[in-house]
Amino acid sequence: MNTARSSVMGWGALVVAAGASYYWAKQGINERRKEQEVAGTRSTEKLDWRAKIERDAQNAATLSTPPVVTSAVDSSSSSASPLPKPPS
């Protein structure tokens, strides 16, 4: 059976390990945020969850529209045909 001392030691070790893990993770997150800010890939706007959902819906709507494809071939020339002619 655990004694009071061993329980305190166990909980103390758990708290220290959790604190060290939090500190280590926080440093990594802050470094990644700084790198993204320097690269210009991190948004600086502060949004609540409703605004984020609206922004994501708008982004999805703009991504779901098909892109406009323009032909690089001049359609007035008779030698350039986008599709091969079927055999007769």
PDB file of N, CA and C in Angstrom:
ATOM      1  N   MET A   1       0.837  -1.164   0.000  1.00  0.00           N
ATOM      2  CA  MET A   1       0.000   0.000   0.000  1.00  0.00           C
ATOM      3  C   MET A   1       0.891   1.239   0.000  1.00  0.00           C
ATOM      4  N   ASN A   2       0.408   2.301  -0.651  1.00  0.00           N
ATOM      5  CA  ASN A   2       1.193   3.520  -0.738  1.00  0.00           C
ATOM      6  C   ASN A   2       1.138   4.292   0.572  1.00  0.00           C
ATOM      7  N   THR A   3       2.257   4.864   0.894  1.00  0.00           N
ATOM      8  CA  THR A   3       2.303   5.735   2.069  1.00  0.00           C
ATOM      9  C   THR A   3       2.012   7.155   1.619  1.00  0.00           C
ATOM     10  N   ALA A   4       1.820   8.019   2.562  1.00  0.00           N
ATOM     11  CA  ALA A   4       1.545   9.419   2.239  1.00  0.00           C
ATOM     12  C   ALA A   4       2.734  10.036   1.494  1.00  0.00           C
ATOM     13  N   ARG A   5       3.918   9.659   1.911  1.00  0.00           N
ATOM     14  CA  ARG A   5       5.125  10.206   1.283  1.00  0.00           C
ATOM     15  C   ARG A   5       5.226   9.761  -0.175  1.00  0.00           C
ATOM     16  N   SER A   6       4.985   8.494  -0.463  1.00  0.00           N
ATOM     17  CA  SER A   6       5.097   8.014  -1.834  1.00  0.00           C
ATOM     18  C   SER A   6       4.002   8.619  -2.719  1.00  0.00           C
ATOM     19  N   SER A   7       2.826   8.866  -2.172  1.00  0.00           N
ATOM     20  CA  SER A   7       1.756   9.514  -2.942  1.00  0.00           C
ATOM     21  C   SER A   7       2.133  10.946  -3.292  1.00  0.00           C
ATOM     22  N   VAL A   8       2.690  11.659  -2.331  1.00  0.00           N
ATOM     23  CA  VAL A   8       3.118  13.044  -2.582  1.00  0.00           C
ATOM     24  C   VAL A   8       4.249  13.061  -3.597  1.00  0.00           C
ATOM     25  N   MET A   9       5.181  12.135  -3.485  1.00  0.00           N
ATOM     26  CA  MET A   9       6.291  12.064  -4.447  1.00  0.00           C
ATOM     27  C   MET A   9       5.768  11.756  -5.847  1.00  0.00           C
ATOM     28  N   GLY A  10       4.815  10.850  -5.950  1.00  0.00           N
ATOM     29  CA  GLY A  10       4.251  10.504  -7.252  1.00  0.00           C
ATOM     30  C   GLY A  10       3.523  11.671  -7.895  1.00  0.00           C
ATOM     31  N   TRP A  11       2.677  12.331  -7.102  1.00  0.00           N
ATOM     32  CA  TRP A  11       1.967  13.491  -7.627  1.00  0.00           C
ATOM     33  C   TRP A  11       2.922  14.630  -7.950  1.00  0.00           C
ATOM     34  N   GLY A  12       3.923  14.810  -7.141  1.00  0.00           N
ATOM     35  CA  GLY A  12       4.920  15.860  -7.406  1.00  0.00           C
ATOM     36  C   GLY A  12       5.661  15.604  -8.711  1.00  0.00           C
ATOM     37  N   ALA A  13       6.050  14.343  -8.937  1.00  0.00           N
ATOM     38  CA  ALA A  13       6.735  14.003 -10.181  1.00  0.00           C
ATOM     39  C   ALA A  13       5.805  14.217 -11.379  1.00  0.00           C
ATOM     40  N   LEU A  14       4.544  13.876 -11.231  1.00  0.00           N
ATOM     41  CA  LEU A  14       3.575  14.077 -12.308  1.00  0.00           C
ATOM     42  C   LEU A  14       3.409  15.560 -12.637  1.00  0.00           C
ATOM     43  N   VAL A  15       3.317  16.398 -11.620  1.00  0.00           N
ATOM     44  CA  VAL A  15       3.159  17.842 -11.822  1.00  0.00           C
ATOM     45  C   VAL A  15       4.397  18.429 -12.496  1.00  0.00           C
ATOM     46  N   VAL A  16       5.574  18.015 -12.069  1.00  0.00           N
ATOM     47  CA  VAL A  16       6.818  18.509 -12.669  1.00  0.00           C
ATOM     48  C   VAL A  16       6.908  18.073 -14.132  1.00  0.00           C
ATOM     49  N   ALA A  17       6.589  16.818 -14.411  1.00  0.00           N
ATOM     50  CA  ALA A  17       6.640  16.324 -15.787  1.00  0.00           C
ATOM     51  C   ALA A  17       5.626  17.059 -16.667  1.00  0.00           C
ATOM     52  N   ALA A  18       4.432  17.295 -16.147  1.00  0.00           N
ATOM     53  CA  ALA A  18       3.415  18.008 -16.917  1.00  0.00           C
ATOM     54  C   ALA A  18       3.839  19.453 -17.176  1.00  0.00           C
ATOM     55  N   GLY A  19       4.411  20.087 -16.178  1.00  0.00           N
ATOM     56  CA  GLY A  19       4.883  21.470 -16.346  1.00  0.00           C
ATOM     57  C   GLY A  19       5.998  21.571 -17.367  1.00  0.00           C
ATOM     58  N   ALA A  20       6.932  20.637 -17.331  1.00  0.00           N
ATOM     59  CA  ALA A  20       8.027  20.640 -18.296  1.00  0.00           C
ATOM     60  C   ALA A  20       7.499  20.383 -19.708  1.00  0.00           C
ATOM     61  N   SER A  21       6.561  19.477 -19.841  1.00  0.00           N
ATOM     62  CA  SER A  21       5.972  19.186 -21.154  1.00  0.00           C
ATOM     63  C   SER A  21       5.226  20.399 -21.692  1.00  0.00           C
ATOM     64  N   TYR A  22       4.485  21.072 -20.844  1.00  0.00           N
ATOM     65  CA  TYR A  22       3.761  22.280 -21.261  1.00  0.00           C
ATOM     66  C   TYR A  22       4.740  23.349 -21.735  1.00  0.00           C
ATOM     67  N   TYR A  23       5.791  23.572 -20.971  1.00  0.00           N
ATOM     68  CA  TYR A  23       6.787  24.587 -21.328  1.00  0.00           C
ATOM     69  C   TYR A  23       7.443  24.247 -22.659  1.00  0.00           C
ATOM     70  N   TRP A  24       7.828  22.997 -22.851  1.00  0.00           N
ATOM     71  CA  TRP A  24       8.482  22.564 -24.083  1.00  0.00           C
ATOM     72  C   TRP A  24       7.544  22.723 -25.283  1.00  0.00           C
ATOM     73  N   ALA A  25       6.290  22.337 -25.126  1.00  0.00           N
ATOM     74  CA  ALA A  25       5.320  22.455 -26.220  1.00  0.00           C
ATOM     75  C   ALA A  25       5.038  23.920 -26.539  1.00  0.00           C
ATOM     76  N   LYS A  26       4.904  24.741 -25.521  1.00  0.00           N
ATOM     77  CA  LYS A  26       4.621  26.158 -25.725  1.00  0.00           C
ATOM     78  C   LYS A  26       5.750  26.841 -26.484  1.00  0.00           C
ATOM     79  N   GLN A  27       6.988  26.497 -26.181  1.00  0.00           N
ATOM     80  CA  GLN A  27       8.129  27.067 -26.895  1.00  0.00           C
ATOM     81  C   GLN A  27       8.085  26.686 -28.368  1.00  0.00           C
ATOM     82  N   GLY A  28       7.784  25.435 -28.658  1.00  0.00           N
ATOM     83  CA  GLY A  28       7.702  24.981 -30.044  1.00  0.00           C
ATOM     84  C   GLY A  28       6.583  25.673 -30.806  1.00  0.00           C
ATOM     85  N   ILE A  29       5.440  25.855 -30.148  1.00  0.00           N
ATOM     86  CA  ILE A  29       4.313  26.526 -30.787  1.00  0.00           C
ATOM     87  C   ILE A  29       4.656  27.978 -31.071  1.00  0.00           C
ATOM     88  N   ASN A  30       5.266  28.651 -30.123  1.00  0.00           N
ATOM     89  CA  ASN A  30       5.638  30.051 -30.329  1.00  0.00           C
ATOM     90  C   ASN A  30       6.656  30.197 -31.455  1.00  0.00           C
ATOM     91  N   GLU A  31       7.628  29.292 -31.546  1.00  0.00           N
ATOM     92  CA  GLU A  31       8.605  29.341 -32.634  1.00  0.00           C
ATOM     93  C   GLU A  31       7.919  29.154 -33.981  1.00  0.00           C
ATOM     94  N   ARG A  32       6.996  28.203 -34.064  1.00  0.00           N
ATOM     95  CA  ARG A  32       6.286  27.963 -35.321  1.00  0.00           C
ATOM     96  C   ARG A  32       5.442  29.170 -35.708  1.00  0.00           C
ATOM     97  N   ARG A  33       4.802  29.811 -34.748  1.00  0.00           N
ATOM     98  CA  ARG A  33       4.007  31.002 -35.031  1.00  0.00           C
ATOM     99  C   ARG A  33       4.879  32.137 -35.562  1.00  0.00           C
ATOM    100  N   LYS A  34       6.060  32.318 -34.964  1.00  0.00           N
ATOM    101  CA  LYS A  34       6.972  33.367 -35.431  1.00  0.00           C
ATOM    102  C   LYS A  34       7.441  33.089 -36.852  1.00  0.00           C
ATOM    103  N   GLU A  35       7.762  31.835 -37.151  1.00  0.00           N
ATOM    104  CA  GLU A  35       8.191  31.466 -38.503  1.00  0.00           C
ATOM    105  C   GLU A  35       7.076  31.726 -39.509  1.00  0.00           C
ATOM    106  N   GLN A  36       5.829  31.387 -39.152  1.00  0.00           N
ATOM    107  CA  GLN A  36       4.700  31.612 -40.049  1.00  0.00           C
ATOM    108  C   GLN A  36       4.445  33.102 -40.248  1.00  0.00           C
ATOM    109  N   GLU A  37       4.636  33.887 -39.199  1.00  0.00           N
ATOM    110  CA  GLU A  37       4.430  35.321 -39.315  1.00  0.00           C
ATOM    111  C   GLU A  37       5.478  35.952 -40.226  1.00  0.00           C
ATOM    112  N   VAL A  38       6.724  35.524 -40.081  1.00  0.00           N
ATOM    113  CA  VAL A  38       7.794  36.039 -40.929  1.00  0.00           C
ATOM    114  C   VAL A  38       7.554  35.635 -42.384  1.00  0.00           C
ATOM    115  N   ALA A  39       7.102  34.398 -42.601  1.00  0.00           N
ATOM    116  CA  ALA A  39       6.848  33.909 -43.962  1.00  0.00           C
ATOM    117  C   ALA A  39       5.571  34.502 -44.545  1.00  0.00           C
ATOM    118  N   GLY A  40       4.727  35.088 -43.718  1.00  0.00           N
ATOM    119  CA  GLY A  40       3.483  35.679 -44.195  1.00  0.00           C
ATOM    120  C   GLY A  40       2.363  34.680 -44.384  1.00  0.00           C
ATOM    121  N   THR A  41       2.470  33.496 -43.792  1.00  0.00           N
ATOM    122  CA  THR A  41       1.435  32.486 -43.949  1.00  0.00           C
ATOM    123  C   THR A  41       0.495  32.421 -42.754  1.00  0.00           C
ATOM    124  N   ARG A  42       0.730  33.246 -41.746  1.00  0.00           N
ATOM    125  CA  ARG A  42      -0.113  33.223 -40.555  1.00  0.00           C
ATOM    126  C   ARG A  42      -1.027  34.437 -40.552  1.00  0.00           C
ATOM    127  N   SER A  43      -2.298  34.204 -40.345  1.00  0.00           N
ATOM    128  CA  SER A  43      -3.275  35.274 -40.265  1.00  0.00           C
ATOM    129  C   SER A  43      -3.138  35.973 -38.917  1.00  0.00           C
ATOM    130  N   THR A  44      -3.186  37.293 -38.934  1.00  0.00           N
ATOM    131  CA  THR A  44      -3.048  38.049 -37.686  1.00  0.00           C
ATOM    132  C   THR A  44      -4.393  38.486 -37.129  1.00  0.00           C
ATOM    133  N   GLU A  45      -5.483  38.210 -37.866  1.00  0.00           N
ATOM    134  CA  GLU A  45      -6.791  38.614 -37.390  1.00  0.00           C
ATOM    135  C   GLU A  45      -7.301  37.682 -36.300  1.00  0.00           C
ATOM    136  N   LYS A  46      -7.989  38.267 -35.330  1.00  0.00           N
ATOM    137  CA  LYS A  46      -8.551  37.493 -34.231  1.00  0.00           C
ATOM    138  C   LYS A  46     -10.035  37.296 -34.491  1.00  0.00           C
ATOM    139  N   LEU A  47     -10.447  36.033 -34.660  1.00  0.00           N
ATOM    140  CA  LEU A  47     -11.831  35.717 -34.964  1.00  0.00           C
ATOM    141  C   LEU A  47     -12.408  34.785 -33.915  1.00  0.00           C
ATOM    142  N   ASP A  48     -13.702  34.957 -33.637  1.00  0.00           N
ATOM    143  CA  ASP A  48     -14.364  33.986 -32.765  1.00  0.00           C
ATOM    144  C   ASP A  48     -14.786  32.799 -33.628  1.00  0.00           C
ATOM    145  N   TRP A  49     -15.349  31.794 -33.032  1.00  0.00           N
ATOM    146  CA  TRP A  49     -15.632  30.556 -33.760  1.00  0.00           C
ATOM    147  C   TRP A  49     -16.663  30.752 -34.858  1.00  0.00           C
ATOM    148  N   ARG A  50     -17.617  31.668 -34.656  1.00  0.00           N
ATOM    149  CA  ARG A  50     -18.627  31.904 -35.699  1.00  0.00           C
ATOM    150  C   ARG A  50     -17.994  32.531 -36.938  1.00  0.00           C
ATOM    151  N   ALA A  51     -17.119  33.496 -36.716  1.00  0.00           N
ATOM    152  CA  ALA A  51     -16.448  34.161 -37.838  1.00  0.00           C
ATOM    153  C   ALA A  51     -15.535  33.191 -38.577  1.00  0.00           C
ATOM    154  N   LYS A  52     -14.897  32.283 -37.838  1.00  0.00           N
ATOM    155  CA  LYS A  52     -14.035  31.293 -38.484  1.00  0.00           C
ATOM    156  C   LYS A  52     -14.845  30.354 -39.368  1.00  0.00           C
ATOM    157  N   ILE A  53     -16.034  29.963 -38.901  1.00  0.00           N
ATOM    158  CA  ILE A  53     -16.898  29.080 -39.699  1.00  0.00           C
ATOM    159  C   ILE A  53     -17.339  29.797 -40.969  1.00  0.00           C
ATOM    160  N   GLU A  54     -17.721  31.073 -40.849  1.00  0.00           N
ATOM    161  CA  GLU A  54     -18.121  31.840 -42.030  1.00  0.00           C
ATOM    162  C   GLU A  54     -16.968  31.976 -43.017  1.00  0.00           C
ATOM    163  N   ARG A  55     -15.765  32.275 -42.505  1.00  0.00           N
ATOM    164  CA  ARG A  55     -14.599  32.417 -43.378  1.00  0.00           C
ATOM    165  C   ARG A  55     -14.282  31.102 -44.084  1.00  0.00           C
ATOM    166  N   ASP A  56     -14.357  29.990 -43.357  1.00  0.00           N
ATOM    167  CA  ASP A  56     -14.093  28.695 -43.968  1.00  0.00           C
ATOM    168  C   ASP A  56     -15.139  28.350 -45.020  1.00  0.00           C
ATOM    169  N   ALA A  57     -16.390  28.707 -44.770  1.00  0.00           N
ATOM    170  CA  ALA A  57     -17.448  28.446 -45.748  1.00  0.00           C
ATOM    171  C   ALA A  57     -17.231  29.273 -47.009  1.00  0.00           C
ATOM    172  N   GLN A  58     -16.804  30.514 -46.848  1.00  0.00           N
ATOM    173  CA  GLN A  58     -16.531  31.360 -48.013  1.00  0.00           C
ATOM    174  C   GLN A  58     -15.344  30.830 -48.805  1.00  0.00           C
ATOM    175  N   ASN A  59     -14.310  30.382 -48.100  1.00  0.00           N
ATOM    176  CA  ASN A  59     -13.146  29.823 -48.781  1.00  0.00           C
ATOM    177  C   ASN A  59     -13.516  28.548 -49.525  1.00  0.00           C
ATOM    178  N   ALA A  60     -14.359  27.726 -48.933  1.00  0.00           N
ATOM    179  CA  ALA A  60     -14.783  26.491 -49.593  1.00  0.00           C
ATOM    180  C   ALA A  60     -15.624  26.809 -50.818  1.00  0.00           C
ATOM    181  N   ALA A  61     -16.445  27.857 -50.733  1.00  0.00           N
ATOM    182  CA  ALA A  61     -17.284  28.231 -51.874  1.00  0.00           C
ATOM    183  C   ALA A  61     -16.433  28.735 -53.031  1.00  0.00           C
ATOM    184  N   THR A  62     -15.389  29.484 -52.723  1.00  0.00           N
ATOM    185  CA  THR A  62     -14.537  29.991 -53.800  1.00  0.00           C
ATOM    186  C   THR A  62     -13.678  28.884 -54.383  1.00  0.00           C
ATOM    187  N   LEU A  63     -13.330  27.892 -53.584  1.00  0.00           N
ATOM    188  CA  LEU A  63     -12.522  26.789 -54.094  1.00  0.00           C
ATOM    189  C   LEU A  63     -13.349  25.801 -54.894  1.00  0.00           C
ATOM    190  N   SER A  64     -14.671  25.721 -54.612  1.00  0.00           N
ATOM    191  CA  SER A  64     -15.497  24.741 -55.293  1.00  0.00           C
ATOM    192  C   SER A  64     -15.949  25.209 -56.674  1.00  0.00           C
ATOM    193  N   THR A  65     -15.798  26.501 -56.980  1.00  0.00           N
ATOM    194  CA  THR A  65     -16.165  26.964 -58.316  1.00  0.00           C
ATOM    195  C   THR A  65     -15.106  26.495 -59.299  1.00  0.00           C
ATOM    196  N   PRO A  66     -15.536  26.003 -60.456  1.00  0.00           N
ATOM    197  CA  PRO A  66     -14.564  25.493 -61.410  1.00  0.00           C
ATOM    198  C   PRO A  66     -13.738  26.636 -61.999  1.00  0.00           C
ATOM    199  N   PRO A  67     -12.470  26.414 -62.220  1.00  0.00           N
ATOM    200  CA  PRO A  67     -11.632  27.467 -62.790  1.00  0.00           C
ATOM    201  C   PRO A  67     -11.969  27.680 -64.264  1.00  0.00           C
ATOM    202  N   VAL A  68     -11.767  28.888 -64.717  1.00  0.00           N
ATOM    203  CA  VAL A  68     -11.998  29.220 -66.112  1.00  0.00           C
ATOM    204  C   VAL A  68     -10.756  28.816 -66.886  1.00  0.00           C
ATOM    205  N   VAL A  69     -10.956  27.948 -67.879  1.00  0.00           N
ATOM    206  CA  VAL A  69      -9.844  27.459 -68.682  1.00  0.00           C
ATOM    207  C   VAL A  69      -9.893  28.164 -70.027  1.00  0.00           C
ATOM    208  N   THR A  70      -8.807  28.806 -70.368  1.00  0.00           N
ATOM    209  CA  THR A  70      -8.721  29.443 -71.675  1.00  0.00           C
ATOM    210  C   THR A  70      -7.794  28.621 -72.540  1.00  0.00           C
ATOM    211  N   SER A  71      -8.115  28.525 -73.776  1.00  0.00           N
ATOM    212  CA  SER A  71      -7.330  27.723 -74.699  1.00  0.00           C
ATOM    213  C   SER A  71      -6.122  28.518 -75.158  1.00  0.00           C
ATOM    214  N   ALA A  72      -4.982  27.890 -75.189  1.00  0.00           N
ATOM    215  CA  ALA A  72      -3.766  28.529 -75.662  1.00  0.00           C
ATOM    216  C   ALA A  72      -3.640  28.409 -77.170  1.00  0.00           C
ATOM    217  N   VAL A  73      -4.529  27.634 -77.791  1.00  0.00           N
ATOM    218  CA  VAL A  73      -4.494  27.415 -79.230  1.00  0.00           C
ATOM    219  C   VAL A  73      -5.424  28.406 -79.898  1.00  0.00           C
ATOM    220  N   ASP A  74      -4.966  29.030 -80.942  1.00  0.00           N
ATOM    221  CA  ASP A  74      -5.780  29.971 -81.695  1.00  0.00           C
ATOM    222  C   ASP A  74      -6.842  29.195 -82.457  1.00  0.00           C
ATOM    223  N   SER A  75      -8.114  29.493 -82.211  1.00  0.00           N
ATOM    224  CA  SER A  75      -9.197  28.739 -82.827  1.00  0.00           C
ATOM    225  C   SER A  75      -9.414  29.117 -84.283  1.00  0.00           C
ATOM    226  N   SER A  76      -8.820  30.213 -84.740  1.00  0.00           N
ATOM    227  CA  SER A  76      -9.036  30.628 -86.122  1.00  0.00           C
ATOM    228  C   SER A  76      -8.176  29.839 -87.107  1.00  0.00           C
ATOM    229  N   SER A  77      -7.107  29.212 -86.618  1.00  0.00           N
ATOM    230  CA  SER A  77      -6.273  28.445 -87.543  1.00  0.00           C
ATOM    231  C   SER A  77      -6.909  27.082 -87.777  1.00  0.00           C
ATOM    232  N   SER A  78      -6.867  26.636 -89.024  1.00  0.00           N
ATOM    233  CA  SER A  78      -7.527  25.379 -89.367  1.00  0.00           C
ATOM    234  C   SER A  78      -6.677  24.165 -89.039  1.00  0.00           C
ATOM    235  N   SER A  79      -5.361  24.349 -88.865  1.00  0.00           N
ATOM    236  CA  SER A  79      -4.489  23.199 -88.608  1.00  0.00           C
ATOM    237  C   SER A  79      -4.509  22.763 -87.149  1.00  0.00           C
ATOM    238  N   ALA A  80      -4.884  23.651 -86.258  1.00  0.00           N
ATOM    239  CA  ALA A  80      -4.890  23.327 -84.835  1.00  0.00           C
ATOM    240  C   ALA A  80      -6.290  22.904 -84.427  1.00  0.00           C
ATOM    241  N   SER A  81      -6.435  21.664 -84.053  1.00  0.00           N
ATOM    242  CA  SER A  81      -7.713  21.147 -83.605  1.00  0.00           C
ATOM    243  C   SER A  81      -7.538  20.586 -82.206  1.00  0.00           C
ATOM    244  N   PRO A  82      -8.389  20.979 -81.240  1.00  0.00           N
ATOM    245  CA  PRO A  82      -8.201  20.484 -79.869  1.00  0.00           C
ATOM    246  C   PRO A  82      -8.485  18.995 -79.751  1.00  0.00           C
ATOM    247  N   LEU A  83      -9.343  18.438 -80.633  1.00  0.00           N
ATOM    248  CA  LEU A  83      -9.664  17.013 -80.577  1.00  0.00           C
ATOM    249  C   LEU A  83      -9.286  16.351 -81.879  1.00  0.00           C
ATOM    250  N   PRO A  84      -8.780  15.142 -81.850  1.00  0.00           N
ATOM    251  CA  PRO A  84      -8.470  14.464 -83.107  1.00  0.00           C
ATOM    252  C   PRO A  84      -9.766  14.075 -83.821  1.00  0.00           C
ATOM    253  N   LYS A  85      -9.686  14.036 -85.139  1.00  0.00           N
ATOM    254  CA  LYS A  85     -10.862  13.653 -85.929  1.00  0.00           C
ATOM    255  C   LYS A  85     -11.035  12.152 -85.872  1.00  0.00           C
ATOM    256  N   PRO A  86     -12.288  11.678 -85.750  1.00  0.00           N
ATOM    257  CA  PRO A  86     -12.514  10.237 -85.698  1.00  0.00           C
ATOM    258  C   PRO A  86     -12.237   9.608 -87.086  1.00  0.00           C
ATOM    259  N   PRO A  87     -11.793   8.354 -87.096  1.00  0.00           N
ATOM    260  CA  PRO A  87     -11.520   7.703 -88.369  1.00  0.00           C
ATOM    261  C   PRO A  87     -12.813   7.486 -89.143  1.00  0.00           C
ATOM    262  N   SER A  88     -12.739   7.578 -90.488  1.00  0.00           N
ATOM    263  CA  SER A  88     -13.941   7.413 -91.326  1.00  0.00           C
ATOM    264  C   SER A  88     -14.029   6.018 -91.860  1.00  0.00           C
TER     265      SER A  88
END
